[in-house]
Amino acid sequence: MRKWYLIIAGVFFLPLQAGAYTVTEIQAMEFGELITRNLAAVGEVVVGADGSFSNNANIIVTTLGQRARYSITGAPASTAFTFTLDANTNVTRTLGGGTGEFTVDNFTTHPAVLTSDGGGNATLFIGARIQTAGGGQVYLDGAYDGTYDFTVEF
């Protein structure tokens, strides 16, 4: 059994500004350091927006990942808002080339209903699932990066 080491980090976007409020990334989403057991089978890791972490039997986790954390400031006080996330994205190796690509999907948020406090501030957590392609696709050791977008509306 040949094992491949995967480090997946830095899924983020730059802070957004719209109107009087600001969204700032505090912590990028990271899926951790992973080893696939069998390249022919799909491997899966879920980093939950609620702080949970899980993986299927095809993945060995050597370093746990973590959910993304965003700070929202300057919003209307005590106001509920909605947010929209990308349906999915791809994560690819950024240094040294390589052919490996992962799918990131099933984005989740915590809390499910976000309301700013009396000062117009809130904290939003985002999680997602990452999957290997299976089918024998090779993944080189190293960091894999990607981005996702979301929209916040009051």
N, C-alpha and C. Protein backbone atom coordinates (compact mmCIF):
# COMPACT_ATOMS: atom_id res chain seq x y z
N MET A 1 0.85 -1.17 0.00
CA MET A 1 0.00 0.00 0.00
C MET A 1 0.90 1.23 0.00
N ARG A 2 0.75 2.07 -1.00
CA ARG A 2 1.51 3.31 -1.07
C ARG A 2 0.68 4.45 -0.52
N LYS A 3 1.30 5.28 0.31
CA LYS A 3 0.59 6.39 0.93
C LYS A 3 1.07 7.70 0.35
N TRP A 4 0.15 8.62 0.16
CA TRP A 4 0.47 9.96 -0.33
C TRP A 4 0.14 10.97 0.74
N TYR A 5 1.04 11.86 1.01
CA TYR A 5 0.82 12.91 2.01
C TYR A 5 0.22 14.13 1.34
N LEU A 6 -0.81 14.64 1.92
CA LEU A 6 -1.49 15.80 1.38
C LEU A 6 -1.61 16.87 2.44
N ILE A 7 -1.19 18.05 2.12
CA ILE A 7 -1.39 19.19 3.02
C ILE A 7 -2.29 20.16 2.27
N ILE A 8 -3.42 20.46 2.84
CA ILE A 8 -4.40 21.32 2.19
C ILE A 8 -4.66 22.49 3.12
N ALA A 9 -4.28 23.67 2.69
CA ALA A 9 -4.42 24.83 3.57
C ALA A 9 -4.70 26.07 2.76
N GLY A 10 -5.12 27.09 3.44
CA GLY A 10 -5.22 28.39 2.82
C GLY A 10 -6.39 28.60 1.90
N VAL A 11 -7.49 27.97 2.14
CA VAL A 11 -8.69 28.25 1.36
C VAL A 11 -9.29 29.53 1.93
N PHE A 12 -9.17 30.62 1.19
CA PHE A 12 -9.60 31.90 1.74
C PHE A 12 -9.94 32.89 0.65
N PHE A 13 -10.49 34.00 1.06
CA PHE A 13 -10.68 35.13 0.16
C PHE A 13 -10.29 36.38 0.91
N LEU A 14 -10.00 37.44 0.21
CA LEU A 14 -9.63 38.69 0.84
C LEU A 14 -10.84 39.34 1.50
N PRO A 15 -10.63 40.17 2.51
CA PRO A 15 -11.76 40.83 3.17
C PRO A 15 -12.62 41.61 2.18
N LEU A 16 -13.92 41.55 2.41
CA LEU A 16 -14.88 42.27 1.57
C LEU A 16 -15.36 43.51 2.30
N GLN A 17 -15.63 44.58 1.57
CA GLN A 17 -16.24 45.75 2.16
C GLN A 17 -17.43 46.14 1.31
N ALA A 18 -18.54 46.36 1.95
CA ALA A 18 -19.74 46.79 1.24
C ALA A 18 -20.52 47.70 2.16
N GLY A 19 -20.82 48.88 1.72
CA GLY A 19 -21.53 49.82 2.57
C GLY A 19 -20.71 50.13 3.79
N ALA A 20 -21.33 50.10 4.95
CA ALA A 20 -20.66 50.48 6.19
C ALA A 20 -20.08 49.29 6.94
N TYR A 21 -20.27 48.07 6.47
CA TYR A 21 -19.76 46.93 7.24
C TYR A 21 -18.59 46.26 6.53
N THR A 22 -17.80 45.52 7.32
CA THR A 22 -16.60 44.87 6.81
C THR A 22 -16.62 43.41 7.22
N VAL A 23 -16.22 42.53 6.31
CA VAL A 23 -16.04 41.11 6.60
C VAL A 23 -14.55 40.83 6.52
N THR A 24 -13.98 40.30 7.60
CA THR A 24 -12.54 40.05 7.67
C THR A 24 -12.28 38.59 8.01
N GLU A 25 -11.40 37.95 7.27
CA GLU A 25 -11.01 36.57 7.58
C GLU A 25 -10.09 36.57 8.80
N ILE A 26 -10.47 35.82 9.83
CA ILE A 26 -9.66 35.66 11.04
C ILE A 26 -8.84 34.38 10.95
N GLN A 27 -9.45 33.30 10.43
CA GLN A 27 -8.79 32.00 10.29
C GLN A 27 -9.20 31.37 8.97
N ALA A 28 -8.23 31.01 8.15
CA ALA A 28 -8.51 30.31 6.89
C ALA A 28 -8.97 28.89 7.18
N MET A 29 -9.81 28.34 6.29
CA MET A 29 -10.22 26.95 6.41
C MET A 29 -9.04 26.06 6.03
N GLU A 30 -8.79 25.05 6.84
CA GLU A 30 -7.73 24.10 6.56
C GLU A 30 -8.28 22.69 6.75
N PHE A 31 -7.92 21.79 5.84
CA PHE A 31 -8.40 20.41 5.94
C PHE A 31 -7.38 19.50 6.62
N GLY A 32 -6.19 20.01 6.93
CA GLY A 32 -5.20 19.25 7.66
C GLY A 32 -4.18 18.57 6.77
N GLU A 33 -3.40 17.70 7.38
CA GLU A 33 -2.41 16.91 6.66
C GLU A 33 -2.96 15.49 6.58
N LEU A 34 -3.05 14.98 5.37
CA LEU A 34 -3.79 13.74 5.12
C LEU A 34 -2.97 12.75 4.32
N ILE A 35 -3.28 11.48 4.50
CA ILE A 35 -2.68 10.40 3.71
C ILE A 35 -3.81 9.58 3.12
N THR A 36 -3.74 9.31 1.81
CA THR A 36 -4.75 8.45 1.20
C THR A 36 -4.27 7.00 1.27
N ARG A 37 -5.17 6.10 1.58
CA ARG A 37 -4.84 4.68 1.65
C ARG A 37 -4.84 4.03 0.27
N ASN A 38 -5.79 4.44 -0.58
CA ASN A 38 -5.99 3.78 -1.87
C ASN A 38 -6.40 4.85 -2.88
N LEU A 39 -5.53 5.12 -3.86
CA LEU A 39 -5.82 6.17 -4.84
C LEU A 39 -7.00 5.83 -5.75
N ALA A 40 -7.37 4.56 -5.82
CA ALA A 40 -8.50 4.18 -6.67
C ALA A 40 -9.84 4.51 -6.03
N ALA A 41 -9.86 4.66 -4.71
CA ALA A 41 -11.10 4.95 -3.99
C ALA A 41 -11.16 6.43 -3.61
N VAL A 42 -12.37 6.96 -3.45
CA VAL A 42 -12.56 8.35 -3.06
C VAL A 42 -12.28 8.50 -1.56
N GLY A 43 -11.47 9.49 -1.23
CA GLY A 43 -11.22 9.83 0.17
C GLY A 43 -11.99 11.09 0.51
N GLU A 44 -12.43 11.21 1.76
CA GLU A 44 -13.28 12.34 2.14
C GLU A 44 -12.94 12.82 3.54
N VAL A 45 -12.89 14.16 3.68
CA VAL A 45 -12.71 14.80 4.98
C VAL A 45 -13.75 15.90 5.09
N VAL A 46 -14.39 16.01 6.26
CA VAL A 46 -15.36 17.07 6.52
C VAL A 46 -14.88 17.88 7.70
N VAL A 47 -14.72 19.18 7.48
CA VAL A 47 -14.45 20.13 8.55
C VAL A 47 -15.76 20.87 8.77
N GLY A 48 -16.41 20.61 9.89
CA GLY A 48 -17.72 21.20 10.14
C GLY A 48 -17.64 22.64 10.61
N ALA A 49 -18.60 23.44 10.21
CA ALA A 49 -18.69 24.83 10.66
C ALA A 49 -18.89 24.89 12.17
N ASP A 50 -19.42 23.81 12.75
CA ASP A 50 -19.64 23.75 14.20
C ASP A 50 -18.39 23.30 14.96
N GLY A 51 -17.27 23.10 14.24
CA GLY A 51 -16.02 22.69 14.87
C GLY A 51 -15.76 21.19 14.81
N SER A 52 -16.69 20.43 14.25
CA SER A 52 -16.50 18.97 14.15
C SER A 52 -15.52 18.64 13.02
N PHE A 53 -15.00 17.41 13.03
CA PHE A 53 -14.06 16.93 12.02
C PHE A 53 -14.30 15.45 11.82
N SER A 54 -14.38 15.02 10.56
CA SER A 54 -14.55 13.59 10.29
C SER A 54 -13.86 13.23 8.99
N ASN A 55 -13.58 11.93 8.83
CA ASN A 55 -12.97 11.43 7.60
C ASN A 55 -13.46 10.02 7.34
N ASN A 56 -13.41 9.59 6.05
CA ASN A 56 -13.81 8.22 5.76
C ASN A 56 -12.60 7.30 5.91
N ALA A 57 -12.82 6.01 5.73
CA ALA A 57 -11.79 5.00 5.98
C ALA A 57 -10.62 5.08 5.00
N ASN A 58 -10.76 5.80 3.89
CA ASN A 58 -9.68 5.90 2.91
C ASN A 58 -8.68 7.01 3.24
N ILE A 59 -8.91 7.75 4.31
CA ILE A 59 -8.03 8.86 4.69
C ILE A 59 -7.46 8.62 6.08
N ILE A 60 -6.15 8.78 6.19
CA ILE A 60 -5.47 8.80 7.48
C ILE A 60 -5.15 10.26 7.76
N VAL A 61 -5.56 10.75 8.91
CA VAL A 61 -5.34 12.15 9.28
C VAL A 61 -4.14 12.23 10.22
N THR A 62 -3.12 12.99 9.82
CA THR A 62 -1.95 13.17 10.68
C THR A 62 -1.98 14.52 11.39
N THR A 63 -2.68 15.50 10.82
CA THR A 63 -2.89 16.80 11.46
C THR A 63 -4.32 17.22 11.18
N LEU A 64 -5.08 17.52 12.23
CA LEU A 64 -6.48 17.93 12.05
C LEU A 64 -6.59 19.29 11.36
N GLY A 65 -7.66 19.46 10.60
CA GLY A 65 -7.96 20.74 9.97
C GLY A 65 -8.77 21.62 10.89
N GLN A 66 -9.16 22.78 10.40
CA GLN A 66 -9.98 23.69 11.19
C GLN A 66 -10.90 24.50 10.30
N ARG A 67 -12.02 24.89 10.88
CA ARG A 67 -13.02 25.67 10.16
C ARG A 67 -12.53 27.10 9.94
N ALA A 68 -13.11 27.76 8.95
CA ALA A 68 -12.81 29.17 8.70
C ALA A 68 -13.57 30.03 9.70
N ARG A 69 -13.00 31.17 10.04
CA ARG A 69 -13.65 32.10 10.97
C ARG A 69 -13.57 33.51 10.38
N TYR A 70 -14.72 34.18 10.35
CA TYR A 70 -14.81 35.54 9.82
C TYR A 70 -15.44 36.46 10.86
N SER A 71 -14.93 37.68 10.91
CA SER A 71 -15.47 38.71 11.78
C SER A 71 -16.22 39.72 10.91
N ILE A 72 -17.43 40.06 11.34
CA ILE A 72 -18.23 41.07 10.65
C ILE A 72 -18.37 42.24 11.61
N THR A 73 -17.98 43.42 11.16
CA THR A 73 -18.06 44.62 11.99
C THR A 73 -18.75 45.74 11.23
N GLY A 74 -19.33 46.67 11.98
CA GLY A 74 -19.96 47.84 11.37
C GLY A 74 -21.30 47.57 10.72
N ALA A 75 -21.92 46.45 11.04
CA ALA A 75 -23.23 46.11 10.48
C ALA A 75 -24.33 46.80 11.29
N PRO A 76 -25.54 46.83 10.78
CA PRO A 76 -26.65 47.37 11.58
C PRO A 76 -26.79 46.54 12.88
N ALA A 77 -27.07 47.21 13.98
CA ALA A 77 -27.18 46.55 15.29
C ALA A 77 -28.38 45.60 15.33
N SER A 78 -28.17 44.45 15.97
CA SER A 78 -29.23 43.46 16.22
C SER A 78 -30.03 43.14 14.97
N THR A 79 -29.33 42.87 13.89
CA THR A 79 -29.98 42.61 12.60
C THR A 79 -29.58 41.24 12.08
N ALA A 80 -30.57 40.46 11.66
CA ALA A 80 -30.30 39.17 11.03
C ALA A 80 -29.87 39.42 9.60
N PHE A 81 -29.00 38.56 9.09
CA PHE A 81 -28.60 38.69 7.70
C PHE A 81 -28.47 37.33 7.05
N THR A 82 -28.40 37.35 5.74
CA THR A 82 -28.27 36.11 4.97
C THR A 82 -26.90 36.10 4.30
N PHE A 83 -26.46 34.91 3.99
CA PHE A 83 -25.21 34.76 3.26
C PHE A 83 -25.37 33.63 2.26
N THR A 84 -24.67 33.76 1.15
CA THR A 84 -24.71 32.78 0.08
C THR A 84 -23.29 32.30 -0.18
N LEU A 85 -23.12 30.98 -0.23
CA LEU A 85 -21.82 30.38 -0.48
C LEU A 85 -21.78 29.73 -1.86
N ASP A 86 -20.58 29.63 -2.43
CA ASP A 86 -20.39 28.85 -3.66
C ASP A 86 -20.90 27.43 -3.44
N ALA A 87 -21.38 26.82 -4.50
CA ALA A 87 -21.82 25.42 -4.41
C ALA A 87 -20.63 24.50 -4.24
N ASN A 88 -19.56 24.71 -4.98
CA ASN A 88 -18.34 23.92 -4.85
C ASN A 88 -17.18 24.64 -5.51
N THR A 89 -15.99 24.13 -5.28
CA THR A 89 -14.78 24.70 -5.84
C THR A 89 -13.76 23.58 -5.97
N ASN A 90 -12.68 23.84 -6.68
CA ASN A 90 -11.61 22.86 -6.80
C ASN A 90 -10.37 23.39 -6.11
N VAL A 91 -9.58 22.50 -5.54
CA VAL A 91 -8.35 22.84 -4.86
C VAL A 91 -7.23 22.14 -5.60
N THR A 92 -6.19 22.90 -6.00
CA THR A 92 -5.10 22.32 -6.77
C THR A 92 -3.75 22.61 -6.14
N ARG A 93 -2.76 21.85 -6.55
CA ARG A 93 -1.39 22.05 -6.05
C ARG A 93 -0.85 23.35 -6.62
N THR A 94 -0.25 24.18 -5.78
CA THR A 94 0.21 25.49 -6.24
C THR A 94 1.71 25.57 -6.43
N LEU A 95 2.47 24.69 -5.83
CA LEU A 95 3.92 24.74 -5.97
C LEU A 95 4.43 23.48 -6.64
N GLY A 96 5.29 23.61 -7.63
CA GLY A 96 5.93 22.45 -8.23
C GLY A 96 5.07 21.65 -9.17
N GLY A 97 3.96 22.19 -9.63
CA GLY A 97 3.12 21.47 -10.58
C GLY A 97 2.41 20.31 -9.95
N GLY A 98 2.07 19.33 -10.75
CA GLY A 98 1.36 18.16 -10.25
C GLY A 98 -0.01 18.06 -10.88
N THR A 99 -0.61 16.92 -10.74
CA THR A 99 -1.89 16.68 -11.40
C THR A 99 -3.06 16.57 -10.43
N GLY A 100 -2.80 16.49 -9.16
CA GLY A 100 -3.86 16.26 -8.19
C GLY A 100 -4.83 17.43 -8.07
N GLU A 101 -6.11 17.10 -8.01
CA GLU A 101 -7.14 18.11 -7.79
C GLU A 101 -8.19 17.51 -6.89
N PHE A 102 -8.65 18.31 -5.93
CA PHE A 102 -9.68 17.90 -5.00
C PHE A 102 -10.94 18.69 -5.29
N THR A 103 -12.08 18.13 -4.90
CA THR A 103 -13.34 18.88 -4.95
C THR A 103 -13.71 19.28 -3.55
N VAL A 104 -14.05 20.55 -3.38
CA VAL A 104 -14.53 21.06 -2.10
C VAL A 104 -15.98 21.46 -2.29
N ASP A 105 -16.89 20.90 -1.48
CA ASP A 105 -18.31 21.18 -1.63
C ASP A 105 -19.00 21.04 -0.27
N ASN A 106 -20.30 21.02 -0.28
CA ASN A 106 -21.10 20.89 0.94
C ASN A 106 -20.70 21.92 2.02
N PHE A 107 -20.55 23.16 1.60
CA PHE A 107 -20.22 24.23 2.54
C PHE A 107 -21.33 24.37 3.58
N THR A 108 -20.94 24.61 4.83
CA THR A 108 -21.89 24.84 5.92
C THR A 108 -21.47 26.08 6.69
N THR A 109 -22.42 26.66 7.42
CA THR A 109 -22.13 27.84 8.22
C THR A 109 -22.63 27.64 9.64
N HIS A 110 -22.00 28.34 10.56
CA HIS A 110 -22.41 28.33 11.96
C HIS A 110 -22.24 29.73 12.51
N PRO A 111 -23.22 30.30 13.12
CA PRO A 111 -24.55 29.73 13.34
C PRO A 111 -25.36 29.70 12.05
N ALA A 112 -26.42 28.90 12.06
CA ALA A 112 -27.27 28.79 10.87
C ALA A 112 -27.99 30.10 10.58
N VAL A 113 -28.40 30.80 11.63
CA VAL A 113 -29.02 32.12 11.50
C VAL A 113 -28.11 33.11 12.22
N LEU A 114 -27.53 34.01 11.46
CA LEU A 114 -26.56 34.94 12.03
C LEU A 114 -27.19 36.29 12.26
N THR A 115 -27.04 36.80 13.48
CA THR A 115 -27.58 38.10 13.85
C THR A 115 -26.47 38.92 14.49
N SER A 116 -26.34 40.17 14.06
CA SER A 116 -25.32 41.03 14.66
C SER A 116 -25.72 41.39 16.09
N ASP A 117 -24.73 41.69 16.92
CA ASP A 117 -25.02 42.08 18.29
C ASP A 117 -25.41 43.56 18.34
N GLY A 118 -25.58 44.10 19.54
CA GLY A 118 -25.99 45.49 19.70
C GLY A 118 -25.00 46.49 19.14
N GLY A 119 -23.74 46.07 18.96
CA GLY A 119 -22.72 46.94 18.38
C GLY A 119 -22.53 46.74 16.89
N GLY A 120 -23.35 45.86 16.28
CA GLY A 120 -23.23 45.61 14.85
C GLY A 120 -22.12 44.65 14.47
N ASN A 121 -21.74 43.77 15.39
CA ASN A 121 -20.66 42.81 15.15
C ASN A 121 -21.20 41.37 15.18
N ALA A 122 -20.53 40.48 14.47
CA ALA A 122 -20.90 39.07 14.46
C ALA A 122 -19.69 38.24 14.06
N THR A 123 -19.74 36.96 14.41
CA THR A 123 -18.70 36.01 14.01
C THR A 123 -19.37 34.90 13.22
N LEU A 124 -18.79 34.56 12.07
CA LEU A 124 -19.31 33.53 11.18
C LEU A 124 -18.24 32.46 11.00
N PHE A 125 -18.65 31.19 11.12
CA PHE A 125 -17.76 30.06 10.87
C PHE A 125 -18.23 29.33 9.61
N ILE A 126 -17.28 28.87 8.80
CA ILE A 126 -17.60 28.13 7.57
C ILE A 126 -16.83 26.82 7.56
N GLY A 127 -17.51 25.74 7.19
CA GLY A 127 -16.90 24.43 7.03
C GLY A 127 -17.24 23.88 5.66
N ALA A 128 -16.63 22.75 5.30
CA ALA A 128 -16.88 22.15 3.99
C ALA A 128 -16.37 20.71 3.97
N ARG A 129 -16.66 20.04 2.87
CA ARG A 129 -16.16 18.68 2.64
C ARG A 129 -15.15 18.74 1.49
N ILE A 130 -14.08 17.97 1.61
CA ILE A 130 -13.11 17.84 0.53
C ILE A 130 -13.03 16.37 0.15
N GLN A 131 -12.93 16.10 -1.16
CA GLN A 131 -12.86 14.71 -1.65
C GLN A 131 -11.74 14.56 -2.67
N THR A 132 -11.07 13.40 -2.59
CA THR A 132 -10.14 13.03 -3.65
C THR A 132 -10.95 12.54 -4.84
N ALA A 133 -10.32 12.47 -5.98
CA ALA A 133 -11.03 12.07 -7.19
C ALA A 133 -11.25 10.57 -7.28
N GLY A 134 -10.39 9.78 -6.64
CA GLY A 134 -10.46 8.33 -6.82
C GLY A 134 -9.97 7.99 -8.22
N GLY A 135 -10.21 6.79 -8.67
CA GLY A 135 -9.84 6.41 -10.03
C GLY A 135 -8.35 6.37 -10.29
N GLY A 136 -7.53 6.38 -9.24
CA GLY A 136 -6.09 6.28 -9.41
C GLY A 136 -5.38 7.61 -9.60
N GLN A 137 -6.08 8.72 -9.47
CA GLN A 137 -5.43 10.03 -9.64
C GLN A 137 -4.32 10.19 -8.61
N VAL A 138 -3.15 10.65 -9.08
CA VAL A 138 -1.98 10.80 -8.22
C VAL A 138 -1.96 12.20 -7.60
N TYR A 139 -1.60 12.27 -6.34
CA TYR A 139 -1.44 13.53 -5.61
C TYR A 139 0.00 13.63 -5.13
N LEU A 140 0.67 14.68 -5.49
CA LEU A 140 2.04 14.90 -5.04
C LEU A 140 2.02 15.48 -3.62
N ASP A 141 3.09 15.25 -2.88
CA ASP A 141 3.22 15.85 -1.55
C ASP A 141 3.26 17.36 -1.70
N GLY A 142 2.71 18.07 -0.73
CA GLY A 142 2.80 19.52 -0.74
C GLY A 142 1.50 20.20 -0.40
N ALA A 143 1.51 21.52 -0.53
CA ALA A 143 0.34 22.34 -0.21
C ALA A 143 -0.58 22.46 -1.41
N TYR A 144 -1.87 22.45 -1.15
CA TYR A 144 -2.90 22.62 -2.16
C TYR A 144 -3.76 23.80 -1.72
N ASP A 145 -4.04 24.72 -2.63
CA ASP A 145 -4.78 25.93 -2.30
C ASP A 145 -5.99 26.10 -3.20
N GLY A 146 -6.96 26.84 -2.72
CA GLY A 146 -8.13 27.19 -3.51
C GLY A 146 -8.85 28.34 -2.84
N THR A 147 -9.85 28.87 -3.49
CA THR A 147 -10.63 29.97 -2.92
C THR A 147 -12.11 29.66 -3.05
N TYR A 148 -12.89 30.34 -2.26
CA TYR A 148 -14.34 30.27 -2.37
C TYR A 148 -14.87 31.66 -2.07
N ASP A 149 -16.05 31.94 -2.55
CA ASP A 149 -16.67 33.24 -2.36
C ASP A 149 -17.96 33.09 -1.56
N PHE A 150 -18.29 34.11 -0.80
CA PHE A 150 -19.61 34.17 -0.19
C PHE A 150 -20.06 35.61 -0.13
N THR A 151 -21.36 35.79 -0.07
CA THR A 151 -21.97 37.11 -0.05
C THR A 151 -22.76 37.27 1.24
N VAL A 152 -22.59 38.40 1.90
CA VAL A 152 -23.33 38.73 3.12
C VAL A 152 -24.30 39.86 2.80
N GLU A 153 -25.57 39.67 3.14
CA GLU A 153 -26.59 40.68 2.87
C GLU A 153 -27.41 40.97 4.12
N PHE A 154 -27.58 42.26 4.42
CA PHE A 154 -28.43 42.69 5.52
C PHE A 154 -29.75 43.18 4.96
